[in-house]
Amino acid sequence: MPKSYIYIIGNDRPTIYIGVTSNLIKRIFEHKNGVVGGFTKKYDLKKLLYYEIFDDIENAIYREKQLKNWRRSWKLDLIKKKNPEMRDLYNEII
């Protein structure tokens, strides 16, 4: 069954971005290699800090919208609960 994902990428500041995808490995690879333009490229967001897995894209999109409405401090708390060292999780998913 296909999976969907929400993810949070960032830099060392951290400036963060929340996205949704059906292929997490490919999407983070694109961010890391500058294939994705816009906000993530402008602020050099290349570290996968957090992600969640869903069974369908609708639930992933719902969660993405929910998180985008959260305060920055809440988002950082969410990341730090699962990733207290704010390390790049990309190598753990490939």
PDB file of N, CA and C in Angstrom:
ATOM      1  N   MET A   1       0.838  -1.177   0.000  1.00  0.00           N
ATOM      2  CA  MET A   1       0.000   0.000   0.000  1.00  0.00           C
ATOM      3  C   MET A   1       0.888   1.248   0.000  1.00  0.00           C
ATOM      4  N   PRO A   2       0.615   2.200  -0.877  1.00  0.00           N
ATOM      5  CA  PRO A   2       1.434   3.417  -0.943  1.00  0.00           C
ATOM      6  C   PRO A   2       1.354   4.227   0.350  1.00  0.00           C
ATOM      7  N   LYS A   3       2.438   4.830   0.690  1.00  0.00           N
ATOM      8  CA  LYS A   3       2.508   5.675   1.872  1.00  0.00           C
ATOM      9  C   LYS A   3       2.613   7.129   1.460  1.00  0.00           C
ATOM     10  N   SER A   4       2.263   8.000   2.382  1.00  0.00           N
ATOM     11  CA  SER A   4       2.434   9.434   2.217  1.00  0.00           C
ATOM     12  C   SER A   4       3.128   9.959   3.462  1.00  0.00           C
ATOM     13  N   TYR A   5       3.741  11.108   3.328  1.00  0.00           N
ATOM     14  CA  TYR A   5       4.568  11.636   4.400  1.00  0.00           C
ATOM     15  C   TYR A   5       4.377  13.140   4.546  1.00  0.00           C
ATOM     16  N   ILE A   6       4.485  13.623   5.780  1.00  0.00           N
ATOM     17  CA  ILE A   6       4.743  15.036   5.995  1.00  0.00           C
ATOM     18  C   ILE A   6       6.171  15.074   6.508  1.00  0.00           C
ATOM     19  N   TYR A   7       6.850  16.156   6.205  1.00  0.00           N
ATOM     20  CA  TYR A   7       8.237  16.269   6.635  1.00  0.00           C
ATOM     21  C   TYR A   7       8.526  17.708   7.020  1.00  0.00           C
ATOM     22  N   ILE A   8       9.524  17.846   7.875  1.00  0.00           N
ATOM     23  CA  ILE A   8      10.028  19.165   8.239  1.00  0.00           C
ATOM     24  C   ILE A   8      11.514  19.155   7.934  1.00  0.00           C
ATOM     25  N   ILE A   9      11.919  20.098   7.088  1.00  0.00           N
ATOM     26  CA  ILE A   9      13.341  20.249   6.803  1.00  0.00           C
ATOM     27  C   ILE A   9      13.781  21.601   7.330  1.00  0.00           C
ATOM     28  N   GLY A  10      15.082  21.724   7.563  1.00  0.00           N
ATOM     29  CA  GLY A  10      15.583  22.974   8.099  1.00  0.00           C
ATOM     30  C   GLY A  10      17.061  23.147   7.860  1.00  0.00           C
ATOM     31  N   ASN A  11      17.582  24.201   8.459  1.00  0.00           N
ATOM     32  CA  ASN A  11      19.020  24.456   8.432  1.00  0.00           C
ATOM     33  C   ASN A  11      19.485  24.551   9.882  1.00  0.00           C
ATOM     34  N   ASP A  12      20.693  25.065  10.109  1.00  0.00           N
ATOM     35  CA  ASP A  12      21.233  25.085  11.471  1.00  0.00           C
ATOM     36  C   ASP A  12      20.642  26.175  12.356  1.00  0.00           C
ATOM     37  N   ARG A  13      19.931  27.120  11.807  1.00  0.00           N
ATOM     38  CA  ARG A  13      19.361  28.221  12.604  1.00  0.00           C
ATOM     39  C   ARG A  13      18.352  27.716  13.626  1.00  0.00           C
ATOM     40  N   PRO A  14      17.348  26.993  13.521  1.00  0.00           N
ATOM     41  CA  PRO A  14      16.853  26.435  12.261  1.00  0.00           C
ATOM     42  C   PRO A  14      15.694  27.258  11.665  1.00  0.00           C
ATOM     43  N   THR A  15      15.822  27.528  10.411  1.00  0.00           N
ATOM     44  CA  THR A  15      14.676  27.947   9.617  1.00  0.00           C
ATOM     45  C   THR A  15      14.028  26.650   9.180  1.00  0.00           C
ATOM     46  N   ILE A  16      12.709  26.543   9.253  1.00  0.00           N
ATOM     47  CA  ILE A  16      12.063  25.266   8.940  1.00  0.00           C
ATOM     48  C   ILE A  16      10.988  25.427   7.873  1.00  0.00           C
ATOM     49  N   TYR A  17      10.734  24.311   7.209  1.00  0.00           N
ATOM     50  CA  TYR A  17       9.707  24.228   6.169  1.00  0.00           C
ATOM     51  C   TYR A  17       8.977  22.906   6.339  1.00  0.00           C
ATOM     52  N   ILE A  18       7.667  22.928   6.186  1.00  0.00           N
ATOM     53  CA  ILE A  18       6.851  21.719   6.284  1.00  0.00           C
ATOM     54  C   ILE A  18       6.307  21.399   4.904  1.00  0.00           C
ATOM     55  N   GLY A  19       6.450  20.140   4.494  1.00  0.00           N
ATOM     56  CA  GLY A  19       5.945  19.715   3.197  1.00  0.00           C
ATOM     57  C   GLY A  19       5.261  18.370   3.280  1.00  0.00           C
ATOM     58  N   VAL A  20       4.670  17.968   2.161  1.00  0.00           N
ATOM     59  CA  VAL A  20       3.996  16.675   2.051  1.00  0.00           C
ATOM     60  C   VAL A  20       4.460  16.017   0.762  1.00  0.00           C
ATOM     61  N   THR A  21       4.584  14.695   0.781  1.00  0.00           N
ATOM     62  CA  THR A  21       5.060  13.977  -0.401  1.00  0.00           C
ATOM     63  C   THR A  21       4.620  12.519  -0.352  1.00  0.00           C
ATOM     64  N   SER A  22       4.646  11.875  -1.496  1.00  0.00           N
ATOM     65  CA  SER A  22       4.396  10.433  -1.546  1.00  0.00           C
ATOM     66  C   SER A  22       5.704   9.646  -1.672  1.00  0.00           C
ATOM     67  N   ASN A  23       6.828  10.358  -1.822  1.00  0.00           N
ATOM     68  CA  ASN A  23       8.131   9.705  -1.922  1.00  0.00           C
ATOM     69  C   ASN A  23       9.139  10.526  -1.123  1.00  0.00           C
ATOM     70  N   LEU A  24       9.288  10.188   0.148  1.00  0.00           N
ATOM     71  CA  LEU A  24      10.108  10.978   1.060  1.00  0.00           C
ATOM     72  C   LEU A  24      11.580  10.989   0.654  1.00  0.00           C
ATOM     73  N   ILE A  25      12.125   9.852   0.309  1.00  0.00           N
ATOM     74  CA  ILE A  25      13.542   9.790  -0.050  1.00  0.00           C
ATOM     75  C   ILE A  25      13.830  10.682  -1.254  1.00  0.00           C
ATOM     76  N   LYS A  26      13.012  10.563  -2.278  1.00  0.00           N
ATOM     77  CA  LYS A  26      13.209  11.375  -3.488  1.00  0.00           C
ATOM     78  C   LYS A  26      13.063  12.859  -3.190  1.00  0.00           C
ATOM     79  N   ARG A  27      12.050  13.215  -2.415  1.00  0.00           N
ATOM     80  CA  ARG A  27      11.789  14.626  -2.146  1.00  0.00           C
ATOM     81  C   ARG A  27      12.914  15.266  -1.342  1.00  0.00           C
ATOM     82  N   ILE A  28      13.417  14.575  -0.333  1.00  0.00           N
ATOM     83  CA  ILE A  28      14.508  15.137   0.461  1.00  0.00           C
ATOM     84  C   ILE A  28      15.782  15.200  -0.371  1.00  0.00           C
ATOM     85  N   PHE A  29      16.017  14.205  -1.219  1.00  0.00           N
ATOM     86  CA  PHE A  29      17.157  14.250  -2.145  1.00  0.00           C
ATOM     87  C   PHE A  29      17.073  15.502  -3.014  1.00  0.00           C
ATOM     88  N   GLU A  30      15.881  15.811  -3.502  1.00  0.00           N
ATOM     89  CA  GLU A  30      15.693  17.004  -4.337  1.00  0.00           C
ATOM     90  C   GLU A  30      16.016  18.276  -3.550  1.00  0.00           C
ATOM     91  N   HIS A  31      15.571  18.347  -2.307  1.00  0.00           N
ATOM     92  CA  HIS A  31      15.892  19.514  -1.474  1.00  0.00           C
ATOM     93  C   HIS A  31      17.399  19.612  -1.253  1.00  0.00           C
ATOM     94  N   LYS A  32      18.035  18.497  -0.944  1.00  0.00           N
ATOM     95  CA  LYS A  32      19.463  18.501  -0.660  1.00  0.00           C
ATOM     96  C   LYS A  32      20.298  18.912  -1.867  1.00  0.00           C
ATOM     97  N   ASN A  33      19.798  18.641  -3.051  1.00  0.00           N
ATOM     98  CA  ASN A  33      20.565  18.917  -4.261  1.00  0.00           C
ATOM     99  C   ASN A  33      20.083  20.147  -5.027  1.00  0.00           C
ATOM    100  N   GLY A  34      19.262  20.950  -4.396  1.00  0.00           N
ATOM    101  CA  GLY A  34      18.841  22.211  -4.985  1.00  0.00           C
ATOM    102  C   GLY A  34      17.893  22.096  -6.158  1.00  0.00           C
ATOM    103  N   VAL A  35      17.266  20.934  -6.325  1.00  0.00           N
ATOM    104  CA  VAL A  35      16.322  20.731  -7.422  1.00  0.00           C
ATOM    105  C   VAL A  35      15.033  21.510  -7.162  1.00  0.00           C
ATOM    106  N   VAL A  36      14.681  21.625  -5.889  1.00  0.00           N
ATOM    107  CA  VAL A  36      13.465  22.321  -5.487  1.00  0.00           C
ATOM    108  C   VAL A  36      13.810  23.790  -5.271  1.00  0.00           C
ATOM    109  N   GLY A  37      13.161  24.668  -6.009  1.00  0.00           N
ATOM    110  CA  GLY A  37      13.415  26.101  -5.867  1.00  0.00           C
ATOM    111  C   GLY A  37      12.576  26.711  -4.766  1.00  0.00           C
ATOM    112  N   GLY A  38      12.574  28.012  -4.701  1.00  0.00           N
ATOM    113  CA  GLY A  38      11.730  28.722  -3.754  1.00  0.00           C
ATOM    114  C   GLY A  38      12.342  28.836  -2.375  1.00  0.00           C
ATOM    115  N   PHE A  39      11.475  28.797  -1.369  1.00  0.00           N
ATOM    116  CA  PHE A  39      11.842  29.035   0.026  1.00  0.00           C
ATOM    117  C   PHE A  39      12.966  28.110   0.491  1.00  0.00           C
ATOM    118  N   THR A  40      12.843  26.823   0.206  1.00  0.00           N
ATOM    119  CA  THR A  40      13.828  25.864   0.718  1.00  0.00           C
ATOM    120  C   THR A  40      15.205  26.081   0.109  1.00  0.00           C
ATOM    121  N   LYS A  41      15.246  26.449  -1.137  1.00  0.00           N
ATOM    122  CA  LYS A  41      16.537  26.713  -1.790  1.00  0.00           C
ATOM    123  C   LYS A  41      17.115  28.038  -1.305  1.00  0.00           C
ATOM    124  N   LYS A  42      16.261  29.046  -1.195  1.00  0.00           N
ATOM    125  CA  LYS A  42      16.698  30.376  -0.755  1.00  0.00           C
ATOM    126  C   LYS A  42      17.356  30.325   0.621  1.00  0.00           C
ATOM    127  N   TYR A  43      16.782  29.544   1.533  1.00  0.00           N
ATOM    128  CA  TYR A  43      17.298  29.484   2.895  1.00  0.00           C
ATOM    129  C   TYR A  43      18.162  28.251   3.170  1.00  0.00           C
ATOM    130  N   ASP A  44      18.521  27.535   2.117  1.00  0.00           N
ATOM    131  CA  ASP A  44      19.436  26.390   2.205  1.00  0.00           C
ATOM    132  C   ASP A  44      18.942  25.352   3.228  1.00  0.00           C
ATOM    133  N   LEU A  45      17.686  24.954   3.076  1.00  0.00           N
ATOM    134  CA  LEU A  45      17.085  23.969   3.979  1.00  0.00           C
ATOM    135  C   LEU A  45      17.348  22.577   3.429  1.00  0.00           C
ATOM    136  N   LYS A  46      18.226  21.837   4.102  1.00  0.00           N
ATOM    137  CA  LYS A  46      18.647  20.531   3.592  1.00  0.00           C
ATOM    138  C   LYS A  46      18.623  19.415   4.627  1.00  0.00           C
ATOM    139  N   LYS A  47      18.320  19.733   5.871  1.00  0.00           N
ATOM    140  CA  LYS A  47      18.313  18.718   6.928  1.00  0.00           C
ATOM    141  C   LYS A  47      16.896  18.220   7.172  1.00  0.00           C
ATOM    142  N   LEU A  48      16.703  16.923   7.034  1.00  0.00           N
ATOM    143  CA  LEU A  48      15.421  16.314   7.392  1.00  0.00           C
ATOM    144  C   LEU A  48      15.387  16.205   8.915  1.00  0.00           C
ATOM    145  N   LEU A  49      14.537  17.017   9.535  1.00  0.00           N
ATOM    146  CA  LEU A  49      14.483  17.083  10.992  1.00  0.00           C
ATOM    147  C   LEU A  49      13.378  16.229  11.590  1.00  0.00           C
ATOM    148  N   TYR A  50      12.330  15.972  10.795  1.00  0.00           N
ATOM    149  CA  TYR A  50      11.157  15.287  11.336  1.00  0.00           C
ATOM    150  C   TYR A  50      10.307  14.785  10.187  1.00  0.00           C
ATOM    151  N   TYR A  51       9.613  13.666  10.399  1.00  0.00           N
ATOM    152  CA  TYR A  51       8.634  13.194   9.409  1.00  0.00           C
ATOM    153  C   TYR A  51       7.611  12.294  10.083  1.00  0.00           C
ATOM    154  N   GLU A  52       6.470  12.194   9.439  1.00  0.00           N
ATOM    155  CA  GLU A  52       5.401  11.291   9.871  1.00  0.00           C
ATOM    156  C   GLU A  52       4.932  10.522   8.643  1.00  0.00           C
ATOM    157  N   ILE A  53       4.491   9.286   8.859  1.00  0.00           N
ATOM    158  CA  ILE A  53       4.034   8.408   7.781  1.00  0.00           C
ATOM    159  C   ILE A  53       2.519   8.243   7.872  1.00  0.00           C
ATOM    160  N   PHE A  54       1.863   8.283   6.709  1.00  0.00           N
ATOM    161  CA  PHE A  54       0.405   8.128   6.627  1.00  0.00           C
ATOM    162  C   PHE A  54       0.057   7.092   5.563  1.00  0.00           C
ATOM    163  N   ASP A  55      -1.112   6.489   5.716  1.00  0.00           N
ATOM    164  CA  ASP A  55      -1.565   5.500   4.737  1.00  0.00           C
ATOM    165  C   ASP A  55      -2.165   6.133   3.491  1.00  0.00           C
ATOM    166  N   ASP A  56      -2.591   7.386   3.595  1.00  0.00           N
ATOM    167  CA  ASP A  56      -3.159   8.039   2.411  1.00  0.00           C
ATOM    168  C   ASP A  56      -2.794   9.516   2.390  1.00  0.00           C
ATOM    169  N   ILE A  57      -2.796  10.079   1.212  1.00  0.00           N
ATOM    170  CA  ILE A  57      -2.361  11.453   1.004  1.00  0.00           C
ATOM    171  C   ILE A  57      -3.297  12.461   1.659  1.00  0.00           C
ATOM    172  N   GLU A  58      -4.586  12.148   1.735  1.00  0.00           N
ATOM    173  CA  GLU A  58      -5.535  13.081   2.338  1.00  0.00           C
ATOM    174  C   GLU A  58      -5.192  13.364   3.800  1.00  0.00           C
ATOM    175  N   ASN A  59      -4.865  12.302   4.545  1.00  0.00           N
ATOM    176  CA  ASN A  59      -4.493  12.487   5.947  1.00  0.00           C
ATOM    177  C   ASN A  59      -3.173  13.240   6.086  1.00  0.00           C
ATOM    178  N   ALA A  60      -2.254  12.972   5.175  1.00  0.00           N
ATOM    179  CA  ALA A  60      -0.974  13.678   5.200  1.00  0.00           C
ATOM    180  C   ALA A  60      -1.175  15.171   4.927  1.00  0.00           C
ATOM    181  N   ILE A  61      -2.003  15.498   3.952  1.00  0.00           N
ATOM    182  CA  ILE A  61      -2.281  16.900   3.632  1.00  0.00           C
ATOM    183  C   ILE A  61      -2.976  17.590   4.808  1.00  0.00           C
ATOM    184  N   TYR A  62      -3.910  16.894   5.433  1.00  0.00           N
ATOM    185  CA  TYR A  62      -4.595  17.450   6.605  1.00  0.00           C
ATOM    186  C   TYR A  62      -3.581  17.783   7.709  1.00  0.00           C
ATOM    187  N   ARG A  63      -2.668  16.851   7.969  1.00  0.00           N
ATOM    188  CA  ARG A  63      -1.654  17.055   9.010  1.00  0.00           C
ATOM    189  C   ARG A  63      -0.699  18.190   8.629  1.00  0.00           C
ATOM    190  N   GLU A  64      -0.316  18.264   7.366  1.00  0.00           N
ATOM    191  CA  GLU A  64       0.560  19.349   6.911  1.00  0.00           C
ATOM    192  C   GLU A  64      -0.091  20.707   7.182  1.00  0.00           C
ATOM    193  N   LYS A  65      -1.354  20.838   6.826  1.00  0.00           N
ATOM    194  CA  LYS A  65      -2.066  22.101   7.048  1.00  0.00           C
ATOM    195  C   LYS A  65      -2.165  22.414   8.538  1.00  0.00           C
ATOM    196  N   GLN A  66      -2.414  21.385   9.331  1.00  0.00           N
ATOM    197  CA  GLN A  66      -2.490  21.558  10.774  1.00  0.00           C
ATOM    198  C   GLN A  66      -1.168  22.107  11.319  1.00  0.00           C
ATOM    199  N   LEU A  67      -0.069  21.472  10.936  1.00  0.00           N
ATOM    200  CA  LEU A  67       1.242  21.892  11.433  1.00  0.00           C
ATOM    201  C   LEU A  67       1.623  23.281  10.948  1.00  0.00           C
ATOM    202  N   LYS A  68       1.260  23.609   9.727  1.00  0.00           N
ATOM    203  CA  LYS A  68       1.591  24.937   9.201  1.00  0.00           C
ATOM    204  C   LYS A  68       0.877  26.043   9.967  1.00  0.00           C
ATOM    205  N   ASN A  69      -0.223  25.719  10.640  1.00  0.00           N
ATOM    206  CA  ASN A  69      -0.939  26.709  11.448  1.00  0.00           C
ATOM    207  C   ASN A  69      -0.419  26.798  12.881  1.00  0.00           C
ATOM    208  N   TRP A  70       0.473  25.908  13.259  1.00  0.00           N
ATOM    209  CA  TRP A  70       1.035  25.924  14.606  1.00  0.00           C
ATOM    210  C   TRP A  70       2.026  27.072  14.767  1.00  0.00           C
ATOM    211  N   ARG A  71       2.250  27.470  16.006  1.00  0.00           N
ATOM    212  CA  ARG A  71       3.306  28.426  16.329  1.00  0.00           C
ATOM    213  C   ARG A  71       4.663  27.769  16.097  1.00  0.00           C
ATOM    214  N   ARG A  72       5.639  28.597  15.777  1.00  0.00           N
ATOM    215  CA  ARG A  72       6.999  28.090  15.541  1.00  0.00           C
ATOM    216  C   ARG A  72       7.503  27.287  16.738  1.00  0.00           C
ATOM    217  N   SER A  73       7.264  27.782  17.946  1.00  0.00           N
ATOM    218  CA  SER A  73       7.755  27.086  19.147  1.00  0.00           C
ATOM    219  C   SER A  73       7.145  25.693  19.268  1.00  0.00           C
ATOM    220  N   TRP A  74       5.882  25.536  18.889  1.00  0.00           N
ATOM    221  CA  TRP A  74       5.245  24.218  18.940  1.00  0.00           C
ATOM    222  C   TRP A  74       5.898  23.266  17.937  1.00  0.00           C
ATOM    223  N   LYS A  75       6.197  23.784  16.757  1.00  0.00           N
ATOM    224  CA  LYS A  75       6.852  22.962  15.724  1.00  0.00           C
ATOM    225  C   LYS A  75       8.227  22.500  16.202  1.00  0.00           C
ATOM    226  N   LEU A  76       8.983  23.415  16.802  1.00  0.00           N
ATOM    227  CA  LEU A  76      10.309  23.049  17.297  1.00  0.00           C
ATOM    228  C   LEU A  76      10.199  22.037  18.435  1.00  0.00           C
ATOM    229  N   ASP A  77       9.211  22.184  19.297  1.00  0.00           N
ATOM    230  CA  ASP A  77       8.994  21.206  20.375  1.00  0.00           C
ATOM    231  C   ASP A  77       8.673  19.826  19.800  1.00  0.00           C
ATOM    232  N   LEU A  78       7.847  19.793  18.757  1.00  0.00           N
ATOM    233  CA  LEU A  78       7.503  18.527  18.101  1.00  0.00           C
ATOM    234  C   LEU A  78       8.755  17.844  17.558  1.00  0.00           C
ATOM    235  N   ILE A  79       9.587  18.618  16.881  1.00  0.00           N
ATOM    236  CA  ILE A  79      10.832  18.072  16.328  1.00  0.00           C
ATOM    237  C   ILE A  79      11.707  17.530  17.450  1.00  0.00           C
ATOM    238  N   LYS A  80      11.890  18.321  18.494  1.00  0.00           N
ATOM    239  CA  LYS A  80      12.817  17.957  19.568  1.00  0.00           C
ATOM    240  C   LYS A  80      12.350  16.750  20.378  1.00  0.00           C
ATOM    241  N   LYS A  81      11.041  16.469  20.376  1.00  0.00           N
ATOM    242  CA  LYS A  81      10.558  15.277  21.080  1.00  0.00           C
ATOM    243  C   LYS A  81      11.071  14.000  20.422  1.00  0.00           C
ATOM    244  N   LYS A  82      11.124  13.993  19.094  1.00  0.00           N
ATOM    245  CA  LYS A  82      11.586  12.796  18.373  1.00  0.00           C
ATOM    246  C   LYS A  82      13.043  12.910  17.947  1.00  0.00           C
ATOM    247  N   ASN A  83      13.554  14.124  17.876  1.00  0.00           N
ATOM    248  CA  ASN A  83      14.902  14.350  17.368  1.00  0.00           C
ATOM    249  C   ASN A  83      15.568  15.444  18.211  1.00  0.00           C
ATOM    250  N   PRO A  84      15.876  15.144  19.482  1.00  0.00           N
ATOM    251  CA  PRO A  84      16.368  16.174  20.401  1.00  0.00           C
ATOM    252  C   PRO A  84      17.666  16.838  19.964  1.00  0.00           C
ATOM    253  N   GLU A  85      18.469  16.146  19.191  1.00  0.00           N
ATOM    254  CA  GLU A  85      19.748  16.710  18.749  1.00  0.00           C
ATOM    255  C   GLU A  85      19.621  17.468  17.431  1.00  0.00           C
ATOM    256  N   MET A  86      18.399  17.502  16.880  1.00  0.00           N
ATOM    257  CA  MET A  86      18.142  18.199  15.617  1.00  0.00           C
ATOM    258  C   MET A  86      19.100  17.730  14.512  1.00  0.00           C
ATOM    259  N   ARG A  87      19.334  16.424  14.491  1.00  0.00           N
ATOM    260  CA  ARG A  87      20.239  15.874  13.478  1.00  0.00           C
ATOM    261  C   ARG A  87      19.493  15.604  12.176  1.00  0.00           C
ATOM    262  N   ASP A  88      20.227  15.451  11.107  1.00  0.00           N
ATOM    263  CA  ASP A  88      19.650  15.146   9.795  1.00  0.00           C
ATOM    264  C   ASP A  88      19.257  13.678   9.777  1.00  0.00           C
ATOM    265  N   LEU A  89      17.976  13.405   9.578  1.00  0.00           N
ATOM    266  CA  LEU A  89      17.463  12.028   9.605  1.00  0.00           C
ATOM    267  C   LEU A  89      17.516  11.344   8.231  1.00  0.00           C
ATOM    268  N   TYR A  90      18.000  12.035   7.223  1.00  0.00           N
ATOM    269  CA  TYR A  90      17.983  11.501   5.864  1.00  0.00           C
ATOM    270  C   TYR A  90      18.675  10.147   5.767  1.00  0.00           C
ATOM    271  N   ASN A  91      19.838   9.998   6.364  1.00  0.00           N
ATOM    272  CA  ASN A  91      20.583   8.730   6.274  1.00  0.00           C
ATOM    273  C   ASN A  91      19.839   7.570   6.934  1.00  0.00           C
ATOM    274  N   GLU A  92      18.894   7.869   7.798  1.00  0.00           N
ATOM    275  CA  GLU A  92      18.126   6.828   8.454  1.00  0.00           C
ATOM    276  C   GLU A  92      16.994   6.301   7.564  1.00  0.00           C
ATOM    277  N   ILE A  93      16.622   7.053   6.535  1.00  0.00           N
ATOM    278  CA  ILE A  93      15.505   6.621   5.687  1.00  0.00           C
ATOM    279  C   ILE A  93      15.956   6.051   4.352  1.00  0.00           C
ATOM    280  N   ILE A  94      17.237   6.262   3.997  1.00  0.00           N
ATOM    281  CA  ILE A  94      17.695   5.740   2.700  1.00  0.00           C
ATOM    282  C   ILE A  94      18.179   4.313   2.810  1.00  0.00           C
TER     283      ILE A  94
END
